PDB file of N, CA and C in Angstrom:
ATOM      1  N   UNK A   1      -8.711 -13.448  -6.301  1.00  0.00           N
ATOM      2  CA  UNK A   1      -9.864 -12.569  -5.995  1.00  0.00           C
ATOM      3  C   UNK A   1     -10.987 -13.609  -6.012  1.00  0.00           C
ATOM      4  N   UNK A   2     -11.142 -14.444  -6.964  1.00  0.00           N
ATOM      5  CA  UNK A   2     -12.101 -15.404  -6.896  1.00  0.00           C
ATOM      6  C   UNK A   2     -12.422 -16.343  -5.822  1.00  0.00           C
ATOM      7  N   UNK A   3     -11.293 -16.310  -5.081  1.00  0.00           N
ATOM      8  CA  UNK A   3     -11.229 -17.079  -3.748  1.00  0.00           C
ATOM      9  C   UNK A   3     -11.725 -16.206  -2.546  1.00  0.00           C
ATOM     10  N   UNK A   4     -11.877 -14.927  -2.837  1.00  0.00           N
ATOM     11  CA  UNK A   4     -12.311 -14.090  -1.603  1.00  0.00           C
ATOM     12  C   UNK A   4     -11.250 -13.410  -0.960  1.00  0.00           C
ATOM     13  N   UNK A   5      -9.938 -13.244  -1.542  1.00  0.00           N
ATOM     14  CA  UNK A   5      -8.912 -12.652  -0.800  1.00  0.00           C
ATOM     15  C   UNK A   5      -9.210 -11.112  -0.721  1.00  0.00           C
ATOM     16  N   UNK A   6      -9.414 -10.678   0.420  1.00  0.00           N
ATOM     17  CA  UNK A   6      -9.863  -9.248   0.651  1.00  0.00           C
ATOM     18  C   UNK A   6      -8.576  -8.079   0.516  1.00  0.00           C
ATOM     19  N   UNK A   7      -7.427  -8.719   0.572  1.00  0.00           N
ATOM     20  CA  UNK A   7      -6.175  -7.785   0.473  1.00  0.00           C
ATOM     21  C   UNK A   7      -5.778  -7.406  -1.046  1.00  0.00           C
ATOM     22  N   UNK A   8      -6.292  -7.976  -2.090  1.00  0.00           N
ATOM     23  CA  UNK A   8      -5.999  -7.692  -3.298  1.00  0.00           C
ATOM     24  C   UNK A   8      -6.433  -6.227  -3.838  1.00  0.00           C
ATOM     25  N   UNK A   9      -7.655  -5.885  -3.553  1.00  0.00           N
ATOM     26  CA  UNK A   9      -8.146  -4.606  -4.018  1.00  0.00           C
ATOM     27  C   UNK A   9      -7.425  -3.331  -3.240  1.00  0.00           C
ATOM     28  N   UNK A  10      -7.216  -2.343  -3.647  1.00  0.00           N
ATOM     29  CA  UNK A  10      -6.522  -1.281  -2.880  1.00  0.00           C
ATOM     30  C   UNK A  10      -7.360  -0.550  -1.994  1.00  0.00           C
ATOM     31  N   UNK A  11      -8.596  -1.028  -1.784  1.00  0.00           N
ATOM     32  CA  UNK A  11      -9.660  -0.504  -0.791  1.00  0.00           C
ATOM     33  C   UNK A  11     -10.292  -1.712   0.043  1.00  0.00           C
ATOM     34  N   UNK A  12     -10.948  -1.234   1.110  1.00  0.00           N
ATOM     35  CA  UNK A  12     -11.679  -2.300   1.865  1.00  0.00           C
ATOM     36  C   UNK A  12     -12.870  -2.741   1.014  1.00  0.00           C
ATOM     37  N   UNK A  13     -13.072  -4.025   1.021  1.00  0.00           N
ATOM     38  CA  UNK A  13     -14.238  -4.559   0.407  1.00  0.00           C
ATOM     39  C   UNK A  13     -14.621  -5.796   0.941  1.00  0.00           C
ATOM     40  N   UNK A  14     -16.036  -6.118   1.236  1.00  0.00           N
ATOM     41  CA  UNK A  14     -16.383  -7.358   1.636  1.00  0.00           C
ATOM     42  C   UNK A  14     -15.767  -8.642   0.775  1.00  0.00           C
ATOM     43  N   UNK A  15     -15.742  -9.578   1.450  1.00  0.00           N
ATOM     44  CA  UNK A  15     -15.297 -10.939   0.807  1.00  0.00           C
ATOM     45  C   UNK A  15     -16.207 -11.196  -0.474  1.00  0.00           C
ATOM     46  N   UNK A  16     -17.574 -10.968  -0.269  1.00  0.00           N
ATOM     47  CA  UNK A  16     -18.359 -11.391  -1.311  1.00  0.00           C
ATOM     48  C   UNK A  16     -18.142 -10.386  -2.560  1.00  0.00           C
ATOM     49  N   UNK A  17     -17.773  -8.904  -2.389  1.00  0.00           N
ATOM     50  CA  UNK A  17     -17.386  -8.226  -3.308  1.00  0.00           C
ATOM     51  C   UNK A  17     -16.225  -8.623  -3.981  1.00  0.00           C
ATOM     52  N   UNK A  18     -15.149  -9.085  -3.516  1.00  0.00           N
ATOM     53  CA  UNK A  18     -14.063  -9.427  -4.075  1.00  0.00           C
ATOM     54  C   UNK A  18     -14.184 -10.861  -4.876  1.00  0.00           C
ATOM     55  N   UNK A  19     -15.196 -11.621  -4.334  1.00  0.00           N
ATOM     56  CA  UNK A  19     -15.457 -12.911  -5.038  1.00  0.00           C
ATOM     57  C   UNK A  19     -16.143 -12.460  -6.400  1.00  0.00           C
ATOM     58  N   UNK A  20     -17.006 -11.487  -6.432  1.00  0.00           N
ATOM     59  CA  UNK A  20     -17.624 -10.943  -7.693  1.00  0.00           C
ATOM     60  C   UNK A  20     -16.447 -10.444  -8.604  1.00  0.00           C
ATOM     61  N   UNK A  21     -15.789  -9.537  -8.191  1.00  0.00           N
ATOM     62  CA  UNK A  21     -14.710  -9.021  -9.101  1.00  0.00           C
ATOM     63  C   UNK A  21     -13.868 -10.179  -9.419  1.00  0.00           C
ATOM     64  N   UNK A  22     -13.629 -11.075  -8.770  1.00  0.00           N
ATOM     65  CA  UNK A  22     -12.674 -12.223  -9.201  1.00  0.00           C
ATOM     66  C   UNK A  22     -13.553 -12.984 -10.452  1.00  0.00           C
ATOM     67  N   UNK A  23     -14.777 -13.338 -10.219  1.00  0.00           N
ATOM     68  CA  UNK A  23     -15.445 -13.900 -11.335  1.00  0.00           C
ATOM     69  C   UNK A  23     -15.561 -13.177 -12.605  1.00  0.00           C
ATOM     70  N   UNK A  24     -15.819 -11.728 -12.380  1.00  0.00           N
ATOM     71  CA  UNK A  24     -15.853 -10.812 -13.499  1.00  0.00           C
ATOM     72  C   UNK A  24     -14.405 -10.861 -14.209  1.00  0.00           C
ATOM     73  N   UNK A  25     -13.198 -10.988 -13.491  1.00  0.00           N
ATOM     74  CA  UNK A  25     -12.058 -11.059 -14.141  1.00  0.00           C
ATOM     75  C   UNK A  25     -11.729 -12.482 -14.900  1.00  0.00           C
ATOM     76  N   UNK A  26     -12.237 -13.526 -14.343  1.00  0.00           N
ATOM     77  CA  UNK A  26     -11.956 -14.859 -14.933  1.00  0.00           C
ATOM     78  C   UNK A  26     -13.055 -14.951 -16.230  1.00  0.00           C
ATOM     79  N   UNK A  27     -14.324 -14.117 -16.111  1.00  0.00           N
ATOM     80  CA  UNK A  27     -15.090 -14.259 -17.292  1.00  0.00           C
ATOM     81  C   UNK A  27     -14.341 -13.348 -18.426  1.00  0.00           C
ATOM     82  N   UNK A  28     -13.932 -12.232 -18.106  1.00  0.00           N
ATOM     83  CA  UNK A  28     -13.073 -11.514 -19.033  1.00  0.00           C
ATOM     84  C   UNK A  28     -11.948 -12.317 -19.684  1.00  0.00           C
ATOM     85  N   UNK A  29     -11.391 -13.137 -18.958  1.00  0.00           N
ATOM     86  CA  UNK A  29     -10.086 -14.022 -19.484  1.00  0.00           C
ATOM     87  C   UNK A  29     -10.769 -14.963 -20.159  1.00  0.00           C
ATOM     88  N   UNK A  30     -11.831 -15.643 -19.999  1.00  0.00           N
ATOM     89  CA  UNK A  30     -12.336 -16.492 -20.958  1.00  0.00           C
ATOM     90  C   UNK A  30     -12.595 -16.061 -22.293  1.00  0.00           C
ATOM     91  N   UNK A  31     -13.300 -14.698 -22.166  1.00  0.00           N
ATOM     92  CA  UNK A  31     -13.597 -14.112 -23.503  1.00  0.00           C
ATOM     93  C   UNK A  31     -12.224 -13.747 -24.251  1.00  0.00           C
ATOM     94  N   UNK A  32     -11.191 -13.402 -23.710  1.00  0.00           N
ATOM     95  CA  UNK A  32      -9.920 -13.224 -24.366  1.00  0.00           C
ATOM     96  C   UNK A  32      -9.503 -14.417 -24.978  1.00  0.00           C
ATOM     97  N   UNK A  33      -9.516 -15.472 -24.288  1.00  0.00           N
ATOM     98  CA  UNK A  33      -9.111 -16.773 -24.718  1.00  0.00           C
ATOM     99  C   UNK A  33      -9.947 -17.242 -25.991  1.00  0.00           C
ATOM    100  N   UNK A  34     -11.295 -16.883 -25.939  1.00  0.00           N
ATOM    101  CA  UNK A  34     -12.076 -17.121 -27.245  1.00  0.00           C
ATOM    102  C   UNK A  34     -11.603 -16.357 -28.351  1.00  0.00           C
ATOM    103  N   UNK A  35     -11.301 -15.094 -28.054  1.00  0.00           N
ATOM    104  CA  UNK A  35     -10.756 -14.136 -29.151  1.00  0.00           C
ATOM    105  C   UNK A  35      -9.400 -14.714 -29.717  1.00  0.00           C
ATOM    106  N   UNK A  36      -8.570 -15.420 -28.861  1.00  0.00           N
ATOM    107  CA  UNK A  36      -7.377 -16.068 -29.446  1.00  0.00           C
ATOM    108  C   UNK A  36      -7.672 -17.132 -30.235  1.00  0.00           C
ATOM    109  N   UNK A  37      -8.642 -17.972 -29.707  1.00  0.00           N
ATOM    110  CA  UNK A  37      -9.073 -19.073 -30.588  1.00  0.00           C
ATOM    111  C   UNK A  37      -9.753 -18.793 -32.045  1.00  0.00           C
ATOM    112  N   UNK A  38     -10.366 -17.679 -31.986  1.00  0.00           N
ATOM    113  CA  UNK A  38     -11.278 -17.220 -33.126  1.00  0.00           C
ATOM    114  C   UNK A  38     -10.863 -15.899 -33.096  1.00  0.00           C
ATOM    115  N   UNK A  39      -9.700 -15.442 -33.783  1.00  0.00           N
ATOM    116  CA  UNK A  39      -9.297 -14.173 -33.966  1.00  0.00           C
ATOM    117  C   UNK A  39      -9.834 -13.287 -35.141  1.00  0.00           C
ATOM    118  N   UNK A  40     -10.965 -12.644 -34.780  1.00  0.00           N
ATOM    119  CA  UNK A  40     -11.672 -11.713 -35.693  1.00  0.00           C
ATOM    120  C   UNK A  40     -11.764 -10.540 -35.016  1.00  0.00           C
ATOM    121  N   UNK A  41     -11.935  -9.439 -35.769  1.00  0.00           N
ATOM    122  CA  UNK A  41     -11.987  -7.986 -35.333  1.00  0.00           C
ATOM    123  C   UNK A  41     -13.201  -7.981 -34.360  1.00  0.00           C
ATOM    124  N   UNK A  42     -14.323  -8.480 -34.733  1.00  0.00           N
ATOM    125  CA  UNK A  42     -15.378  -8.393 -33.930  1.00  0.00           C
ATOM    126  C   UNK A  42     -15.262  -8.886 -32.417  1.00  0.00           C
ATOM    127  N   UNK A  43     -14.457  -9.898 -32.408  1.00  0.00           N
ATOM    128  CA  UNK A  43     -14.254 -10.502 -30.890  1.00  0.00           C
ATOM    129  C   UNK A  43     -13.407  -9.387 -30.385  1.00  0.00           C
ATOM    130  N   UNK A  44     -12.286  -8.938 -30.882  1.00  0.00           N
ATOM    131  CA  UNK A  44     -11.403  -7.889 -30.269  1.00  0.00           C
ATOM    132  C   UNK A  44     -12.146  -6.618 -30.111  1.00  0.00           C
ATOM    133  N   UNK A  45     -12.979  -6.083 -30.887  1.00  0.00           N
ATOM    134  CA  UNK A  45     -13.740  -4.796 -30.517  1.00  0.00           C
ATOM    135  C   UNK A  45     -14.608  -5.058 -29.358  1.00  0.00           C
ATOM    136  N   UNK A  46     -15.239  -6.033 -29.272  1.00  0.00           N
ATOM    137  CA  UNK A  46     -16.048  -6.451 -28.047  1.00  0.00           C
ATOM    138  C   UNK A  46     -15.312  -6.273 -26.762  1.00  0.00           C
ATOM    139  N   UNK A  47     -14.057  -7.012 -26.744  1.00  0.00           N
ATOM    140  CA  UNK A  47     -13.186  -6.877 -25.679  1.00  0.00           C
ATOM    141  C   UNK A  47     -12.885  -5.674 -25.287  1.00  0.00           C
ATOM    142  N   UNK A  48     -12.340  -4.708 -26.385  1.00  0.00           N
ATOM    143  CA  UNK A  48     -11.775  -3.536 -26.147  1.00  0.00           C
ATOM    144  C   UNK A  48     -12.926  -2.597 -25.541  1.00  0.00           C
ATOM    145  N   UNK A  49     -14.048  -2.796 -26.118  1.00  0.00           N
ATOM    146  CA  UNK A  49     -15.281  -1.838 -25.804  1.00  0.00           C
ATOM    147  C   UNK A  49     -15.650  -2.209 -24.302  1.00  0.00           C
ATOM    148  N   UNK A  50     -15.534  -3.330 -23.869  1.00  0.00           N
ATOM    149  CA  UNK A  50     -16.025  -3.773 -22.395  1.00  0.00           C
ATOM    150  C   UNK A  50     -14.791  -3.399 -21.571  1.00  0.00           C
ATOM    151  N   UNK A  51     -13.541  -3.384 -21.913  1.00  0.00           N
ATOM    152  CA  UNK A  51     -12.368  -2.870 -21.092  1.00  0.00           C
ATOM    153  C   UNK A  51     -12.422  -1.427 -20.977  1.00  0.00           C
ATOM    154  N   UNK A  52     -12.803  -0.864 -22.056  1.00  0.00           N
ATOM    155  CA  UNK A  52     -12.997   0.766 -22.025  1.00  0.00           C
ATOM    156  C   UNK A  52     -14.106   1.194 -21.045  1.00  0.00           C
ATOM    157  N   UNK A  53     -15.103   0.423 -21.007  1.00  0.00           N
ATOM    158  CA  UNK A  53     -16.320   0.821 -20.216  1.00  0.00           C
ATOM    159  C   UNK A  53     -15.903   0.463 -18.760  1.00  0.00           C
ATOM    160  N   UNK A  54     -15.182  -0.399 -18.487  1.00  0.00           N
ATOM    161  CA  UNK A  54     -14.822  -0.782 -17.148  1.00  0.00           C
ATOM    162  C   UNK A  54     -13.887   0.088 -16.707  1.00  0.00           C
ATOM    163  N   UNK A  55     -12.893   0.603 -17.618  1.00  0.00           N
ATOM    164  CA  UNK A  55     -11.845   1.602 -17.142  1.00  0.00           C
ATOM    165  C   UNK A  55     -12.499   2.884 -16.825  1.00  0.00           C
ATOM    166  N   UNK A  56     -13.528   3.386 -17.630  1.00  0.00           N
ATOM    167  CA  UNK A  56     -14.036   4.704 -17.442  1.00  0.00           C
ATOM    168  C   UNK A  56     -14.874   4.607 -16.246  1.00  0.00           C
ATOM    169  N   UNK A  57     -15.420   3.610 -15.897  1.00  0.00           N
ATOM    170  CA  UNK A  57     -16.238   3.466 -14.480  1.00  0.00           C
ATOM    171  C   UNK A  57     -15.351   3.739 -13.406  1.00  0.00           C
ATOM    172  N   UNK A  58     -14.093   3.005 -13.550  1.00  0.00           N
ATOM    173  CA  UNK A  58     -13.141   2.869 -12.331  1.00  0.00           C
ATOM    174  C   UNK A  58     -12.093   4.063 -12.227  1.00  0.00           C
ATOM    175  N   UNK A  59     -11.897   4.729 -13.170  1.00  0.00           N
ATOM    176  CA  UNK A  59     -10.722   5.518 -13.158  1.00  0.00           C
ATOM    177  C   UNK A  59     -11.036   6.856 -12.145  1.00  0.00           C
ATOM    178  N   UNK A  60     -12.154   7.451 -12.072  1.00  0.00           N
ATOM    179  CA  UNK A  60     -12.408   8.409 -11.037  1.00  0.00           C
ATOM    180  C   UNK A  60     -12.354   7.932  -9.525  1.00  0.00           C
ATOM    181  N   UNK A  61     -13.024   6.921  -9.190  1.00  0.00           N
ATOM    182  CA  UNK A  61     -12.934   6.259  -7.867  1.00  0.00           C
ATOM    183  C   UNK A  61     -11.400   5.942  -7.575  1.00  0.00           C
ATOM    184  N   UNK A  62     -10.632   5.521  -8.468  1.00  0.00           N
ATOM    185  CA  UNK A  62      -9.341   4.982  -8.305  1.00  0.00           C
ATOM    186  C   UNK A  62      -8.523   6.383  -7.794  1.00  0.00           C
ATOM    187  N   UNK A  63      -8.639   7.214  -8.589  1.00  0.00           N
ATOM    188  CA  UNK A  63      -7.898   8.456  -8.383  1.00  0.00           C
ATOM    189  C   UNK A  63      -8.307   9.003  -7.140  1.00  0.00           C
ATOM    190  N   UNK A  64      -9.595   9.016  -6.695  1.00  0.00           N
ATOM    191  CA  UNK A  64     -10.173   9.479  -5.401  1.00  0.00           C
ATOM    192  C   UNK A  64      -9.492   8.855  -4.258  1.00  0.00           C
ATOM    193  N   UNK A  65      -9.182   7.609  -4.450  1.00  0.00           N
ATOM    194  CA  UNK A  65      -8.663   6.745  -3.272  1.00  0.00           C
ATOM    195  C   UNK A  65      -7.201   7.163  -2.907  1.00  0.00           C
ATOM    196  N   UNK A  66      -6.448   7.912  -3.768  1.00  0.00           N
ATOM    197  CA  UNK A  66      -5.141   8.293  -3.444  1.00  0.00           C
ATOM    198  C   UNK A  66      -5.047   9.289  -2.325  1.00  0.00           C
ATOM    199  N   UNK A  67      -6.123   9.975  -1.990  1.00  0.00           N
ATOM    200  CA  UNK A  67      -6.114  11.099  -0.903  1.00  0.00           C
ATOM    201  C   UNK A  67      -6.251  10.294   0.477  1.00  0.00           C
ATOM    202  N   UNK A  68      -6.622   9.151   0.513  1.00  0.00           N
ATOM    203  CA  UNK A  68      -6.885   8.501   1.913  1.00  0.00           C
ATOM    204  C   UNK A  68      -6.502   6.982   1.820  1.00  0.00           C
ATOM    205  N   UNK A  69      -5.482   6.564   1.084  1.00  0.00           N
ATOM    206  CA  UNK A  69      -5.302   5.180   0.979  1.00  0.00           C
ATOM    207  C   UNK A  69      -4.100   4.891   2.202  1.00  0.00           C
ATOM    208  N   UNK A  70      -4.452   3.576   2.693  1.00  0.00           N
ATOM    209  CA  UNK A  70      -3.267   3.288   3.554  1.00  0.00           C
ATOM    210  C   UNK A  70      -1.908   2.979   3.091  1.00  0.00           C
ATOM    211  N   UNK A  71      -0.860   3.327   3.681  1.00  0.00           N
ATOM    212  CA  UNK A  71       0.441   3.182   3.092  1.00  0.00           C
ATOM    213  C   UNK A  71       0.725   1.924   2.732  1.00  0.00           C
ATOM    214  N   UNK A  72       0.186   0.669   3.146  1.00  0.00           N
ATOM    215  CA  UNK A  72       0.321  -0.584   2.925  1.00  0.00           C
ATOM    216  C   UNK A  72      -0.374  -1.160   1.663  1.00  0.00           C
ATOM    217  N   UNK A  73      -1.288  -0.206   1.191  1.00  0.00           N
ATOM    218  CA  UNK A  73      -2.169  -0.608  -0.012  1.00  0.00           C
ATOM    219  C   UNK A  73      -1.755   0.449  -1.127  1.00  0.00           C
ATOM    220  N   UNK A  74      -0.852   1.323  -0.782  1.00  0.00           N
ATOM    221  CA  UNK A  74      -0.489   2.386  -1.958  1.00  0.00           C
ATOM    222  C   UNK A  74      -0.122   1.691  -3.065  1.00  0.00           C
ATOM    223  N   UNK A  75       0.885   0.787  -3.062  1.00  0.00           N
ATOM    224  CA  UNK A  75       1.550   0.158  -4.286  1.00  0.00           C
ATOM    225  C   UNK A  75       0.355  -0.628  -5.062  1.00  0.00           C
ATOM    226  N   UNK A  76      -0.651  -1.097  -4.362  1.00  0.00           N
ATOM    227  CA  UNK A  76      -1.683  -1.969  -5.153  1.00  0.00           C
ATOM    228  C   UNK A  76      -2.518  -0.854  -5.884  1.00  0.00           C
ATOM    229  N   UNK A  77      -2.720   0.235  -5.233  1.00  0.00           N
ATOM    230  CA  UNK A  77      -3.582   1.353  -5.943  1.00  0.00           C
ATOM    231  C   UNK A  77      -2.747   1.888  -7.099  1.00  0.00           C
ATOM    232  N   UNK A  78      -1.534   2.122  -7.031  1.00  0.00           N
ATOM    233  CA  UNK A  78      -0.664   2.691  -8.038  1.00  0.00           C
ATOM    234  C   UNK A  78      -0.600   1.727  -9.226  1.00  0.00           C
ATOM    235  N   UNK A  79      -0.560   0.417  -8.985  1.00  0.00           N
ATOM    236  CA  UNK A  79      -0.500  -0.634 -10.021  1.00  0.00           C
ATOM    237  C   UNK A  79      -1.892  -0.758 -10.558  1.00  0.00           C
ATOM    238  N   UNK A  80      -2.916  -0.837  -9.803  1.00  0.00           N
ATOM    239  CA  UNK A  80      -4.229  -0.956 -10.528  1.00  0.00           C
ATOM    240  C   UNK A  80      -4.509   0.327 -11.098  1.00  0.00           C
ATOM    241  N   UNK A  81      -4.344   1.468 -10.674  1.00  0.00           N
ATOM    242  CA  UNK A  81      -4.545   2.643 -11.530  1.00  0.00           C
ATOM    243  C   UNK A  81      -3.720   2.631 -12.775  1.00  0.00           C
ATOM    244  N   UNK A  82      -2.571   2.355 -12.725  1.00  0.00           N
ATOM    245  CA  UNK A  82      -1.564   2.276 -14.024  1.00  0.00           C
ATOM    246  C   UNK A  82      -2.221   1.253 -15.150  1.00  0.00           C
ATOM    247  N   UNK A  83      -2.636   0.197 -14.546  1.00  0.00           N
ATOM    248  CA  UNK A  83      -3.213  -0.932 -15.346  1.00  0.00           C
ATOM    249  C   UNK A  83      -4.552  -0.371 -16.079  1.00  0.00           C
ATOM    250  N   UNK A  84      -5.305   0.453 -15.335  1.00  0.00           N
ATOM    251  CA  UNK A  84      -6.644   0.901 -15.810  1.00  0.00           C
ATOM    252  C   UNK A  84      -6.364   1.864 -16.816  1.00  0.00           C
ATOM    253  N   UNK A  85      -5.354   2.866 -16.712  1.00  0.00           N
ATOM    254  CA  UNK A  85      -5.117   3.896 -17.556  1.00  0.00           C
ATOM    255  C   UNK A  85      -4.379   3.347 -18.806  1.00  0.00           C
ATOM    256  N   UNK A  86      -3.638   2.526 -18.728  1.00  0.00           N
ATOM    257  CA  UNK A  86      -2.919   1.721 -19.868  1.00  0.00           C
ATOM    258  C   UNK A  86      -3.892   1.033 -20.655  1.00  0.00           C
ATOM    259  N   UNK A  87      -4.791   0.313 -20.159  1.00  0.00           N
ATOM    260  CA  UNK A  87      -5.755  -0.437 -20.888  1.00  0.00           C
ATOM    261  C   UNK A  87      -6.768   0.506 -21.564  1.00  0.00           C
ATOM    262  N   UNK A  88      -7.273   1.527 -20.858  1.00  0.00           N
ATOM    263  CA  UNK A  88      -8.134   2.451 -21.539  1.00  0.00           C
ATOM    264  C   UNK A  88      -7.329   3.154 -22.689  1.00  0.00           C
ATOM    265  N   UNK A  89      -6.136   3.581 -22.570  1.00  0.00           N
ATOM    266  CA  UNK A  89      -5.357   4.191 -23.668  1.00  0.00           C
ATOM    267  C   UNK A  89      -5.176   3.064 -24.836  1.00  0.00           C
ATOM    268  N   UNK A  90      -4.868   1.825 -24.632  1.00  0.00           N
ATOM    269  CA  UNK A  90      -4.945   0.767 -25.632  1.00  0.00           C
ATOM    270  C   UNK A  90      -6.260   0.859 -26.467  1.00  0.00           C
ATOM    271  N   UNK A  91      -7.359   0.753 -25.567  1.00  0.00           N
ATOM    272  CA  UNK A  91      -8.626   0.465 -26.319  1.00  0.00           C
ATOM    273  C   UNK A  91      -8.933   1.815 -27.014  1.00  0.00           C
ATOM    274  N   UNK A  92      -8.780   2.998 -26.524  1.00  0.00           N
ATOM    275  CA  UNK A  92      -9.220   4.262 -27.297  1.00  0.00           C
ATOM    276  C   UNK A  92      -8.259   4.119 -28.609  1.00  0.00           C
ATOM    277  N   UNK A  93      -6.913   3.986 -28.482  1.00  0.00           N
ATOM    278  CA  UNK A  93      -6.088   3.894 -29.676  1.00  0.00           C
ATOM    279  C   UNK A  93      -6.754   2.749 -30.954  1.00  0.00           C
ATOM    280  N   UNK A  94      -7.045   1.742 -30.383  1.00  0.00           N
ATOM    281  CA  UNK A  94      -7.275   0.766 -31.336  1.00  0.00           C
ATOM    282  C   UNK A  94      -8.908   0.986 -31.726  1.00  0.00           C
ATOM    283  N   UNK A  95      -9.777   1.520 -30.987  1.00  0.00           N
ATOM    284  CA  UNK A  95     -11.236   1.544 -31.308  1.00  0.00           C
ATOM    285  C   UNK A  95     -11.322   2.913 -32.138  1.00  0.00           C
ATOM    286  N   UNK A  96     -10.621   3.893 -31.770  1.00  0.00           N
ATOM    287  CA  UNK A  96     -10.975   5.268 -32.473  1.00  0.00           C
ATOM    288  C   UNK A  96      -9.723   5.859 -33.212  1.00  0.00           C
ATOM    289  N   UNK A  97      -8.568   5.595 -33.088  1.00  0.00           N
ATOM    290  CA  UNK A  97      -7.497   6.211 -33.652  1.00  0.00           C
ATOM    291  C   UNK A  97      -6.809   5.568 -34.818  1.00  0.00           C
ATOM    292  N   UNK A  98      -6.466   4.240 -34.639  1.00  0.00           N
ATOM    293  CA  UNK A  98      -5.514   3.274 -35.401  1.00  0.00           C
ATOM    294  C   UNK A  98      -6.500   3.174 -36.705  1.00  0.00           C
ATOM    295  N   UNK A  99      -6.136   3.700 -37.856  1.00  0.00           N
ATOM    296  CA  UNK A  99      -7.110   3.557 -38.995  1.00  0.00           C
ATOM    297  C   UNK A  99      -7.525   1.998 -39.394  1.00  0.00           C
ATOM    298  N   UNK A 100      -6.556   1.096 -39.513  1.00  0.00           N
ATOM    299  CA  UNK A 100      -7.154  -0.303 -39.801  1.00  0.00           C
ATOM    300  C   UNK A 100      -8.158  -1.006 -38.775  1.00  0.00           C
ATOM    301  N   UNK A 101      -8.109  -0.436 -37.764  1.00  0.00           N
ATOM    302  CA  UNK A 101      -8.962  -1.011 -36.604  1.00  0.00           C
ATOM    303  C   UNK A 101     -10.059  -0.173 -35.953  1.00  0.00           C
ATOM    304  N   UNK A 102     -10.076   1.129 -36.441  1.00  0.00           N
ATOM    305  CA  UNK A 102     -10.906   2.034 -35.957  1.00  0.00           C
ATOM    306  C   UNK A 102     -12.407   1.661 -36.192  1.00  0.00           C
ATOM    307  N   UNK A 103     -13.398   1.819 -35.180  1.00  0.00           N
ATOM    308  CA  UNK A 103     -14.703   1.309 -35.350  1.00  0.00           C
ATOM    309  C   UNK A 103     -15.485   1.736 -36.487  1.00  0.00           C
ATOM    310  N   UNK A 104     -15.193   3.165 -36.782  1.00  0.00           N
ATOM    311  CA  UNK A 104     -16.067   3.641 -37.924  1.00  0.00           C
ATOM    312  C   UNK A 104     -15.151   4.013 -39.124  1.00  0.00           C
ATOM    313  N   UNK A 105     -14.400   2.803 -39.440  1.00  0.00           N
ATOM    314  CA  UNK A 105     -13.515   3.040 -40.623  1.00  0.00           C
ATOM    315  C   UNK A 105     -13.971   2.124 -41.578  1.00  0.00           C
ATOM    316  N   UNK A 106     -13.907   2.784 -42.949  1.00  0.00           N
ATOM    317  CA  UNK A 106     -14.698   1.922 -44.029  1.00  0.00           C
ATOM    318  C   UNK A 106     -13.484   1.129 -44.585  1.00  0.00           C
ATOM    319  N   UNK A 107     -12.370   1.282 -44.390  1.00  0.00           N
ATOM    320  CA  UNK A 107     -11.196   0.600 -44.893  1.00  0.00           C
ATOM    321  C   UNK A 107     -11.004  -0.766 -44.094  1.00  0.00           C
ATOM    322  N   UNK A 108     -11.549  -0.952 -43.022  1.00  0.00           N
ATOM    323  CA  UNK A 108     -11.387  -2.236 -42.163  1.00  0.00           C
ATOM    324  C   UNK A 108     -12.341  -3.460 -42.618  1.00  0.00           C
ATOM    325  N   UNK A 109     -11.594  -4.595 -42.783  1.00  0.00           N
ATOM    326  CA  UNK A 109     -12.392  -5.653 -43.068  1.00  0.00           C
ATOM    327  C   UNK A 109     -12.985  -6.347 -41.793  1.00  0.00           C
ATOM    328  N   UNK A 110     -14.081  -6.910 -41.953  1.00  0.00           N
ATOM    329  CA  UNK A 110     -14.601  -7.592 -40.668  1.00  0.00           C
ATOM    330  C   UNK A 110     -13.880  -8.933 -40.549  1.00  0.00           C
TER     331      UNK A 110
END
């Protein structure tokens, strides 16, 4: 997407928009690599919070696209929506449910 491929997203978007999405994904990837190099909960929490915010913003519009998606892009939309739902579920689990990593847990070490 950073190269401007307009067929990656499951909806029509100008080339400039796909470039912006691509750079955002590359920036996220760099942040995840940083977290692998410096494995601290504070790095993981930031990544999970950013991912959850992204997912919450996109889930509604993605679901709305199912009513009028072109058949040739339906699989893109299904995969994209599944990835967003899955990553939101992972973020919610580790940020709010899993006791050792829960944000508001007194038992978690920084």
